[in-house]
Structures are given as C-alpha cells and as structure tokens.
PDB file of N, CA and C in Angstrom:
ATOM      1  N   MET A   1       0.847  -1.181   0.000  1.00  0.00           N
ATOM      2  CA  MET A   1       0.000   0.000   0.000  1.00  0.00           C
ATOM      3  C   MET A   1       0.885   1.234   0.000  1.00  0.00           C
ATOM      4  N   SER A   2       0.524   2.221  -0.785  1.00  0.00           N
ATOM      5  CA  SER A   2       1.305   3.448  -0.864  1.00  0.00           C
ATOM      6  C   SER A   2       0.366   4.644  -0.960  1.00  0.00           C
ATOM      7  N   VAL A   3       0.747   5.717  -0.285  1.00  0.00           N
ATOM      8  CA  VAL A   3       0.004   6.973  -0.376  1.00  0.00           C
ATOM      9  C   VAL A   3       0.966   8.047  -0.862  1.00  0.00           C
ATOM     10  N   ILE A   4       0.427   9.115  -1.408  1.00  0.00           N
ATOM     11  CA  ILE A   4       1.224  10.245  -1.873  1.00  0.00           C
ATOM     12  C   ILE A   4       1.182  11.318  -0.798  1.00  0.00           C
ATOM     13  N   VAL A   5       2.348  11.813  -0.407  1.00  0.00           N
ATOM     14  CA  VAL A   5       2.441  12.837   0.629  1.00  0.00           C
ATOM     15  C   VAL A   5       3.027  14.097   0.021  1.00  0.00           C
ATOM     16  N   LYS A   6       2.327  15.218   0.200  1.00  0.00           N
ATOM     17  CA  LYS A   6       2.823  16.523  -0.246  1.00  0.00           C
ATOM     18  C   LYS A   6       3.231  17.319   0.983  1.00  0.00           C
ATOM     19  N   ILE A   7       4.416  17.920   0.917  1.00  0.00           N
ATOM     20  CA  ILE A   7       5.003  18.647   2.039  1.00  0.00           C
ATOM     21  C   ILE A   7       5.174  20.108   1.634  1.00  0.00           C
ATOM     22  N   PRO A   8       4.910  21.055   2.546  1.00  0.00           N
ATOM     23  CA  PRO A   8       5.077  22.464   2.205  1.00  0.00           C
ATOM     24  C   PRO A   8       6.544  22.825   1.977  1.00  0.00           C
ATOM     25  N   ILE A   9       6.758  23.816   1.134  1.00  0.00           N
ATOM     26  CA  ILE A   9       8.109  24.263   0.796  1.00  0.00           C
ATOM     27  C   ILE A   9       8.965  24.581   2.022  1.00  0.00           C
ATOM     28  N   PRO A  10       8.448  25.244   3.080  1.00  0.00           N
ATOM     29  CA  PRO A  10       9.327  25.533   4.220  1.00  0.00           C
ATOM     30  C   PRO A  10       9.929  24.286   4.866  1.00  0.00           C
ATOM     31  N   TYR A  11       9.325  23.124   4.670  1.00  0.00           N
ATOM     32  CA  TYR A  11       9.825  21.893   5.284  1.00  0.00           C
ATOM     33  C   TYR A  11      10.566  20.992   4.312  1.00  0.00           C
ATOM     34  N   LYS A  12      10.754  21.421   3.074  1.00  0.00           N
ATOM     35  CA  LYS A  12      11.371  20.523   2.100  1.00  0.00           C
ATOM     36  C   LYS A  12      12.794  20.147   2.476  1.00  0.00           C
ATOM     37  N   GLY A  13      13.467  20.959   3.293  1.00  0.00           N
ATOM     38  CA  GLY A  13      14.804  20.605   3.759  1.00  0.00           C
ATOM     39  C   GLY A  13      14.799  19.359   4.622  1.00  0.00           C
ATOM     40  N   LEU A  14      13.702  19.134   5.322  1.00  0.00           N
ATOM     41  CA  LEU A  14      13.580  17.937   6.158  1.00  0.00           C
ATOM     42  C   LEU A  14      13.479  16.665   5.329  1.00  0.00           C
ATOM     43  N   ILE A  15      13.028  16.805   4.118  1.00  0.00           N
ATOM     44  CA  ILE A  15      12.792  15.611   3.300  1.00  0.00           C
ATOM     45  C   ILE A  15      13.650  15.622   2.041  1.00  0.00           C
ATOM     46  N   ARG A  16      14.874  16.086   2.189  1.00  0.00           N
ATOM     47  CA  ARG A  16      15.875  16.069   1.116  1.00  0.00           C
ATOM     48  C   ARG A  16      15.419  16.813  -0.134  1.00  0.00           C
ATOM     49  N   GLY A  17      14.698  17.909   0.042  1.00  0.00           N
ATOM     50  CA  GLY A  17      14.311  18.737  -1.084  1.00  0.00           C
ATOM     51  C   GLY A  17      13.097  18.262  -1.856  1.00  0.00           C
ATOM     52  N   GLU A  18      12.581  17.103  -1.528  1.00  0.00           N
ATOM     53  CA  GLU A  18      11.397  16.586  -2.218  1.00  0.00           C
ATOM     54  C   GLU A  18      10.149  17.296  -1.700  1.00  0.00           C
ATOM     55  N   ARG A  19       9.153  17.428  -2.546  1.00  0.00           N
ATOM     56  CA  ARG A  19       7.880  17.992  -2.099  1.00  0.00           C
ATOM     57  C   ARG A  19       6.753  16.977  -2.180  1.00  0.00           C
ATOM     58  N   VAL A  20       6.920  15.970  -3.006  1.00  0.00           N
ATOM     59  CA  VAL A  20       5.913  14.921  -3.144  1.00  0.00           C
ATOM     60  C   VAL A  20       6.621  13.580  -2.982  1.00  0.00           C
ATOM     61  N   LEU A  21       6.145  12.783  -2.039  1.00  0.00           N
ATOM     62  CA  LEU A  21       6.784  11.504  -1.736  1.00  0.00           C
ATOM     63  C   LEU A  21       5.769  10.371  -1.723  1.00  0.00           C
ATOM     64  N   PRO A  22       6.106   9.221  -2.301  1.00  0.00           N
ATOM     65  CA  PRO A  22       5.268   8.042  -2.098  1.00  0.00           C
ATOM     66  C   PRO A  22       5.722   7.361  -0.809  1.00  0.00           C
ATOM     67  N   LEU A  23       4.819   7.146   0.114  1.00  0.00           N
ATOM     68  CA  LEU A  23       5.157   6.545   1.405  1.00  0.00           C
ATOM     69  C   LEU A  23       4.132   5.493   1.786  1.00  0.00           C
ATOM     70  N   LYS A  24       4.514   4.695   2.783  1.00  0.00           N
ATOM     71  CA  LYS A  24       3.609   3.677   3.306  1.00  0.00           C
ATOM     72  C   LYS A  24       3.239   4.010   4.738  1.00  0.00           C
ATOM     73  N   GLY A  25       2.050   3.601   5.123  1.00  0.00           N
ATOM     74  CA  GLY A  25       1.577   3.790   6.486  1.00  0.00           C
ATOM     75  C   GLY A  25       0.106   3.438   6.558  1.00  0.00           C
ATOM     76  N   LYS A  26      -0.280   2.749   7.619  1.00  0.00           N
ATOM     77  CA  LYS A  26      -1.679   2.368   7.791  1.00  0.00           C
ATOM     78  C   LYS A  26      -2.498   3.491   8.399  1.00  0.00           C
ATOM     79  N   SER A  27      -1.826   4.411   9.085  1.00  0.00           N
ATOM     80  CA  SER A  27      -2.501   5.558   9.700  1.00  0.00           C
ATOM     81  C   SER A  27      -1.608   6.782   9.530  1.00  0.00           C
ATOM     82  N   ILE A  28      -2.162   7.942   9.843  1.00  0.00           N
ATOM     83  CA  ILE A  28      -1.375   9.173   9.760  1.00  0.00           C
ATOM     84  C   ILE A  28      -0.171   9.096  10.693  1.00  0.00           C
ATOM     85  N   ARG A  29      -0.377   8.638  11.921  1.00  0.00           N
ATOM     86  CA  ARG A  29       0.743   8.550  12.870  1.00  0.00           C
ATOM     87  C   ARG A  29       1.843   7.632  12.326  1.00  0.00           C
ATOM     88  N   GLU A  30       1.466   6.491  11.775  1.00  0.00           N
ATOM     89  CA  GLU A  30       2.448   5.558  11.218  1.00  0.00           C
ATOM     90  C   GLU A  30       3.149   6.163  10.005  1.00  0.00           C
ATOM     91  N   LEU A  31       2.403   6.890   9.199  1.00  0.00           N
ATOM     92  CA  LEU A  31       2.979   7.552   8.034  1.00  0.00           C
ATOM     93  C   LEU A  31       4.057   8.549   8.459  1.00  0.00           C
ATOM     94  N   ILE A  32       3.773   9.339   9.491  1.00  0.00           N
ATOM     95  CA  ILE A  32       4.753  10.313   9.971  1.00  0.00           C
ATOM     96  C   ILE A  32       5.963   9.603  10.569  1.00  0.00           C
ATOM     97  N   LYS A  33       5.727   8.495  11.251  1.00  0.00           N
ATOM     98  CA  LYS A  33       6.838   7.714  11.797  1.00  0.00           C
ATOM     99  C   LYS A  33       7.732   7.216  10.660  1.00  0.00           C
ATOM    100  N   ASN A  34       7.135   6.725   9.586  1.00  0.00           N
ATOM    101  CA  ASN A  34       7.903   6.262   8.432  1.00  0.00           C
ATOM    102  C   ASN A  34       8.647   7.410   7.764  1.00  0.00           C
ATOM    103  N   LEU A  35       8.027   8.570   7.714  1.00  0.00           N
ATOM    104  CA  LEU A  35       8.680   9.752   7.165  1.00  0.00           C
ATOM    105  C   LEU A  35       9.887  10.128   8.016  1.00  0.00           C
ATOM    106  N   GLU A  36       9.742  10.019   9.329  1.00  0.00           N
ATOM    107  CA  GLU A  36      10.833  10.311  10.268  1.00  0.00           C
ATOM    108  C   GLU A  36      12.027   9.383  10.045  1.00  0.00           C
ATOM    109  N   GLU A  37      11.770   8.118   9.756  1.00  0.00           N
ATOM    110  CA  GLU A  37      12.858   7.159   9.552  1.00  0.00           C
ATOM    111  C   GLU A  37      13.770   7.575   8.409  1.00  0.00           C
ATOM    112  N   GLY A  38      13.201   8.123   7.358  1.00  0.00           N
ATOM    113  CA  GLY A  38      14.007   8.560   6.219  1.00  0.00           C
ATOM    114  C   GLY A  38      14.474   9.990   6.319  1.00  0.00           C
ATOM    115  N   SER A  39      13.834  10.770   7.171  1.00  0.00           N
ATOM    116  CA  SER A  39      14.142  12.197   7.305  1.00  0.00           C
ATOM    117  C   SER A  39      14.050  12.602   8.768  1.00  0.00           C
ATOM    118  N   PRO A  40      15.084  12.313   9.565  1.00  0.00           N
ATOM    119  CA  PRO A  40      15.047  12.663  10.988  1.00  0.00           C
ATOM    120  C   PRO A  40      14.739  14.142  11.217  1.00  0.00           C
ATOM    121  N   GLY A  41      13.869  14.408  12.182  1.00  0.00           N
ATOM    122  CA  GLY A  41      13.480  15.775  12.507  1.00  0.00           C
ATOM    123  C   GLY A  41      12.033  16.081  12.166  1.00  0.00           C
ATOM    124  N   VAL A  42      11.421  15.215  11.367  1.00  0.00           N
ATOM    125  CA  VAL A  42      10.034  15.441  10.963  1.00  0.00           C
ATOM    126  C   VAL A  42       9.107  15.401  12.175  1.00  0.00           C
ATOM    127  N   GLU A  43       9.249  14.370  13.019  1.00  0.00           N
ATOM    128  CA  GLU A  43       8.362  14.255  14.188  1.00  0.00           C
ATOM    129  C   GLU A  43       8.508  15.470  15.098  1.00  0.00           C
ATOM    130  N   GLU A  44       9.722  15.917  15.314  1.00  0.00           N
ATOM    131  CA  GLU A  44       9.964  17.093  16.159  1.00  0.00           C
ATOM    132  C   GLU A  44       9.307  18.338  15.568  1.00  0.00           C
ATOM    133  N   THR A  45       9.247  18.384  14.254  1.00  0.00           N
ATOM    134  CA  THR A  45       8.654  19.531  13.573  1.00  0.00           C
ATOM    135  C   THR A  45       7.135  19.533  13.671  1.00  0.00           C
ATOM    136  N   VAL A  46       6.506  18.364  13.575  1.00  0.00           N
ATOM    137  CA  VAL A  46       5.042  18.332  13.526  1.00  0.00           C
ATOM    138  C   VAL A  46       4.367  18.018  14.855  1.00  0.00           C
ATOM    139  N   PHE A  47       5.075  17.359  15.785  1.00  0.00           N
ATOM    140  CA  PHE A  47       4.471  16.987  17.067  1.00  0.00           C
ATOM    141  C   PHE A  47       4.941  17.886  18.201  1.00  0.00           C
ATOM    142  N   ASN A  48       4.032  18.158  19.142  1.00  0.00           N
ATOM    143  CA  ASN A  48       4.414  18.874  20.359  1.00  0.00           C
ATOM    144  C   ASN A  48       4.945  17.859  21.369  1.00  0.00           C
ATOM    145  N   GLU A  49       5.287  18.332  22.564  1.00  0.00           N
ATOM    146  CA  GLU A  49       5.864  17.454  23.586  1.00  0.00           C
ATOM    147  C   GLU A  49       4.904  16.350  24.019  1.00  0.00           C
ATOM    148  N   GLY A  50       3.611  16.577  23.870  1.00  0.00           N
ATOM    149  CA  GLY A  50       2.612  15.576  24.242  1.00  0.00           C
ATOM    150  C   GLY A  50       2.354  14.536  23.163  1.00  0.00           C
ATOM    151  N   GLY A  51       3.024  14.666  22.020  1.00  0.00           N
ATOM    152  CA  GLY A  51       2.844  13.707  20.937  1.00  0.00           C
ATOM    153  C   GLY A  51       1.668  14.004  20.033  1.00  0.00           C
ATOM    154  N   ASN A  52       1.084  15.196  20.195  1.00  0.00           N
ATOM    155  CA  ASN A  52      -0.020  15.622  19.337  1.00  0.00           C
ATOM    156  C   ASN A  52       0.508  16.597  18.294  1.00  0.00           C
ATOM    157  N   LEU A  53      -0.294  16.826  17.258  1.00  0.00           N
ATOM    158  CA  LEU A  53       0.115  17.794  16.244  1.00  0.00           C
ATOM    159  C   LEU A  53       0.262  19.177  16.858  1.00  0.00           C
ATOM    160  N   LYS A  54       1.294  19.889  16.439  1.00  0.00           N
ATOM    161  CA  LYS A  54       1.413  21.287  16.849  1.00  0.00           C
ATOM    162  C   LYS A  54       0.218  22.024  16.264  1.00  0.00           C
ATOM    163  N   ARG A  55      -0.227  23.064  16.937  1.00  0.00           N
ATOM    164  CA  ARG A  55      -1.482  23.715  16.548  1.00  0.00           C
ATOM    165  C   ARG A  55      -1.447  24.351  15.165  1.00  0.00           C
ATOM    166  N   TYR A  56      -0.266  24.671  14.662  1.00  0.00           N
ATOM    167  CA  TYR A  56      -0.180  25.307  13.349  1.00  0.00           C
ATOM    168  C   TYR A  56       0.108  24.308  12.218  1.00  0.00           C
ATOM    169  N   ILE A  57       0.131  23.029  12.527  1.00  0.00           N
ATOM    170  CA  ILE A  57       0.306  21.995  11.507  1.00  0.00           C
ATOM    171  C   ILE A  57      -1.067  21.410  11.181  1.00  0.00           C
ATOM    172  N   LYS A  58      -1.405  21.397   9.923  1.00  0.00           N
ATOM    173  CA  LYS A  58      -2.677  20.823   9.472  1.00  0.00           C
ATOM    174  C   LYS A  58      -2.375  19.700   8.482  1.00  0.00           C
ATOM    175  N   ILE A  59      -3.074  18.605   8.638  1.00  0.00           N
ATOM    176  CA  ILE A  59      -2.899  17.467   7.739  1.00  0.00           C
ATOM    177  C   ILE A  59      -4.247  17.130   7.114  1.00  0.00           C
ATOM    178  N   PHE A  60      -4.218  16.932   5.808  1.00  0.00           N
ATOM    179  CA  PHE A  60      -5.425  16.610   5.055  1.00  0.00           C
ATOM    180  C   PHE A  60      -5.241  15.264   4.359  1.00  0.00           C
ATOM    181  N   VAL A  61      -6.300  14.478   4.326  1.00  0.00           N
ATOM    182  CA  VAL A  61      -6.329  13.231   3.565  1.00  0.00           C
ATOM    183  C   VAL A  61      -7.438  13.382   2.538  1.00  0.00           C
ATOM    184  N   ASN A  62      -7.051  13.351   1.283  1.00  0.00           N
ATOM    185  CA  ASN A  62      -8.025  13.526   0.200  1.00  0.00           C
ATOM    186  C   ASN A  62      -8.884  14.771   0.425  1.00  0.00           C
ATOM    187  N   ARG A  63      -8.220  15.870   0.775  1.00  0.00           N
ATOM    188  CA  ARG A  63      -8.833  17.200   0.970  1.00  0.00           C
ATOM    189  C   ARG A  63      -9.685  17.335   2.224  1.00  0.00           C
ATOM    190  N   ARG A  64      -9.651  16.341   3.106  1.00  0.00           N
ATOM    191  CA  ARG A  64     -10.413  16.430   4.360  1.00  0.00           C
ATOM    192  C   ARG A  64      -9.430  16.518   5.514  1.00  0.00           C
ATOM    193  N   GLU A  65      -9.595  17.539   6.354  1.00  0.00           N
ATOM    194  CA  GLU A  65      -8.695  17.714   7.485  1.00  0.00           C
ATOM    195  C   GLU A  65      -8.875  16.565   8.472  1.00  0.00           C
ATOM    196  N   ILE A  66      -7.750  16.012   8.947  1.00  0.00           N
ATOM    197  CA  ILE A  66      -7.833  14.851   9.835  1.00  0.00           C
ATOM    198  C   ILE A  66      -8.507  15.179  11.160  1.00  0.00           C
ATOM    199  N   ALA A  67      -8.563  16.458  11.531  1.00  0.00           N
ATOM    200  CA  ALA A  67      -9.269  16.851  12.759  1.00  0.00           C
ATOM    201  C   ALA A  67     -10.745  16.472  12.674  1.00  0.00           C
ATOM    202  N   PHE A  68     -11.284  16.390  11.457  1.00  0.00           N
ATOM    203  CA  PHE A  68     -12.684  16.036  11.258  1.00  0.00           C
ATOM    204  C   PHE A  68     -12.849  14.566  10.870  1.00  0.00           C
ATOM    205  N   LEU A  69     -11.749  13.843  10.847  1.00  0.00           N
ATOM    206  CA  LEU A  69     -11.780  12.402  10.587  1.00  0.00           C
ATOM    207  C   LEU A  69     -11.483  11.707  11.913  1.00  0.00           C
ATOM    208  N   ASP A  70     -10.373  10.998  11.994  1.00  0.00           N
ATOM    209  CA  ASP A  70     -10.012  10.312  13.238  1.00  0.00           C
ATOM    210  C   ASP A  70      -8.638  10.769  13.725  1.00  0.00           C
ATOM    211  N   GLY A  71      -8.302  12.027  13.425  1.00  0.00           N
ATOM    212  CA  GLY A  71      -7.037  12.587  13.877  1.00  0.00           C
ATOM    213  C   GLY A  71      -5.850  11.776  13.386  1.00  0.00           C
ATOM    214  N   LEU A  72      -4.853  11.606  14.246  1.00  0.00           N
ATOM    215  CA  LEU A  72      -3.651  10.860  13.882  1.00  0.00           C
ATOM    216  C   LEU A  72      -3.927   9.377  13.677  1.00  0.00           C
ATOM    217  N   LYS A  73      -5.089   8.916  14.126  1.00  0.00           N
ATOM    218  CA  LYS A  73      -5.484   7.511  13.940  1.00  0.00           C
ATOM    219  C   LYS A  73      -6.184   7.285  12.601  1.00  0.00           C
ATOM    220  N   THR A  74      -6.370   8.344  11.819  1.00  0.00           N
ATOM    221  CA  THR A  74      -7.050   8.228  10.535  1.00  0.00           C
ATOM    222  C   THR A  74      -6.401   7.131   9.698  1.00  0.00           C
ATOM    223  N   ILE A  75      -7.206   6.188   9.261  1.00  0.00           N
ATOM    224  CA  ILE A  75      -6.732   5.055   8.464  1.00  0.00           C
ATOM    225  C   ILE A  75      -6.513   5.503   7.021  1.00  0.00           C
ATOM    226  N   LEU A  76      -5.408   5.055   6.450  1.00  0.00           N
ATOM    227  CA  LEU A  76      -5.067   5.389   5.070  1.00  0.00           C
ATOM    228  C   LEU A  76      -5.292   4.189   4.166  1.00  0.00           C
ATOM    229  N   LYS A  77      -5.668   4.493   2.922  1.00  0.00           N
ATOM    230  CA  LYS A  77      -5.878   3.452   1.918  1.00  0.00           C
ATOM    231  C   LYS A  77      -4.926   3.694   0.752  1.00  0.00           C
ATOM    232  N   ASP A  78      -4.663   2.655   0.011  1.00  0.00           N
ATOM    233  CA  ASP A  78      -3.786   2.750  -1.147  1.00  0.00           C
ATOM    234  C   ASP A  78      -4.258   3.866  -2.075  1.00  0.00           C
ATOM    235  N   GLY A  79      -3.336   4.739  -2.448  1.00  0.00           N
ATOM    236  CA  GLY A  79      -3.656   5.821  -3.366  1.00  0.00           C
ATOM    237  C   GLY A  79      -4.139   7.103  -2.716  1.00  0.00           C
ATOM    238  N   ASP A  80      -4.340   7.106  -1.394  1.00  0.00           N
ATOM    239  CA  ASP A  80      -4.758   8.339  -0.715  1.00  0.00           C
ATOM    240  C   ASP A  80      -3.723   9.438  -0.939  1.00  0.00           C
ATOM    241  N   LYS A  81      -4.191  10.673  -0.912  1.00  0.00           N
ATOM    242  CA  LYS A  81      -3.306  11.832  -1.027  1.00  0.00           C
ATOM    243  C   LYS A  81      -3.300  12.566   0.308  1.00  0.00           C
ATOM    244  N   VAL A  82      -2.126  12.686   0.900  1.00  0.00           N
ATOM    245  CA  VAL A  82      -1.950  13.336   2.193  1.00  0.00           C
ATOM    246  C   VAL A  82      -1.183  14.629   1.970  1.00  0.00           C
ATOM    247  N   VAL A  83      -1.706  15.713   2.516  1.00  0.00           N
ATOM    248  CA  VAL A  83      -1.041  17.011   2.419  1.00  0.00           C
ATOM    249  C   VAL A  83      -0.789  17.517   3.829  1.00  0.00           C
ATOM    250  N   ILE A  84       0.457  17.892   4.091  1.00  0.00           N
ATOM    251  CA  ILE A  84       0.839  18.462   5.383  1.00  0.00           C
ATOM    252  C   ILE A  84       1.150  19.926   5.140  1.00  0.00           C
ATOM    253  N   ILE A  85       0.439  20.809   5.859  1.00  0.00           N
ATOM    254  CA  ILE A  85       0.663  22.238   5.637  1.00  0.00           C
ATOM    255  C   ILE A  85       0.967  22.953   6.947  1.00  0.00           C
ATOM    256  N   LEU A  86       1.597  24.076   6.808  1.00  0.00           N
ATOM    257  CA  LEU A  86       1.897  24.975   7.905  1.00  0.00           C
ATOM    258  C   LEU A  86       0.861  26.085   7.842  1.00  0.00           C
ATOM    259  N   ALA A  87      -0.045  26.108   8.821  1.00  0.00           N
ATOM    260  CA  ALA A  87      -1.085  27.138   8.854  1.00  0.00           C
ATOM    261  C   ALA A  87      -0.491  28.394   9.495  1.00  0.00           C
ATOM    262  N   VAL A  88      -0.516  29.486   8.776  1.00  0.00           N
ATOM    263  CA  VAL A  88       0.025  30.737   9.303  1.00  0.00           C
ATOM    264  C   VAL A  88      -1.042  31.812   9.257  1.00  0.00           C
ATOM    265  N   GLY A  89      -0.883  32.760  10.117  1.00  0.00           N
ATOM    266  CA  GLY A  89      -1.813  33.886  10.147  1.00  0.00           C
ATOM    267  C   GLY A  89      -1.025  35.176  10.290  1.00  0.00           C
ATOM    268  N   GLY A  90      -1.668  36.227  10.091  1.00  0.00           N
ATOM    269  CA  GLY A  90      -1.005  37.517  10.211  1.00  0.00           C
ATOM    270  C   GLY A  90      -2.006  38.567  10.620  1.00  0.00           C
ATOM    271  N   GLY A  91      -1.488  39.699  10.877  1.00  0.00           N
ATOM    272  CA  GLY A  91      -2.438  40.707  11.294  1.00  0.00           C
ATOM    273  C   GLY A  91      -1.933  42.083  11.207  1.00  0.00           C
TER     274      GLY A  91
END
C-alpha cells in the first residue's frame, strides 16, 4: 500500500528537497513515523511534547482535514493523497 504525501516548501529541507513523496503507512501517525525514519526531525517539527500535532500543523487526507476524521489515527488506503501544511496567520 502506498500513499502520496505533499510537504510544504518551508519543510522541504527535512525531506531532502522533495515535495511529493510516495510513502507507506496504515494511519497518519504511522505515516509520519515512516517519514521520520528517512528524514530525521520530521516528528519534532510536527508533534508537540505531548505527541499531538502542533497547533499550526494541518494534515489533510483527500482534501479532508484529519481533525474532522479520526485525527492521527485516521486510516489510510492505497492511493490516498496526504497534504501536510503549515497554517500561518497575520495581522
């Protein structure tokens, strides 16, 4: 099983300059763990000390935010498209 992961430009250094990666994982948490194995520092970037997503990190599966699915436990299927974004605001 493989899913496509898109990473925002500010984080492309963490993943060797790639922006789109084919990865494996049964859930979002497992997918991030697998991403960490090939690119150390990813977990530190997306997770807070409690092991939850940092508040400014948003993850979407097939255009649906995981906060409205099953969070980090969201199950992935072959061919799913996962997008990890950095939510920023200004004022």
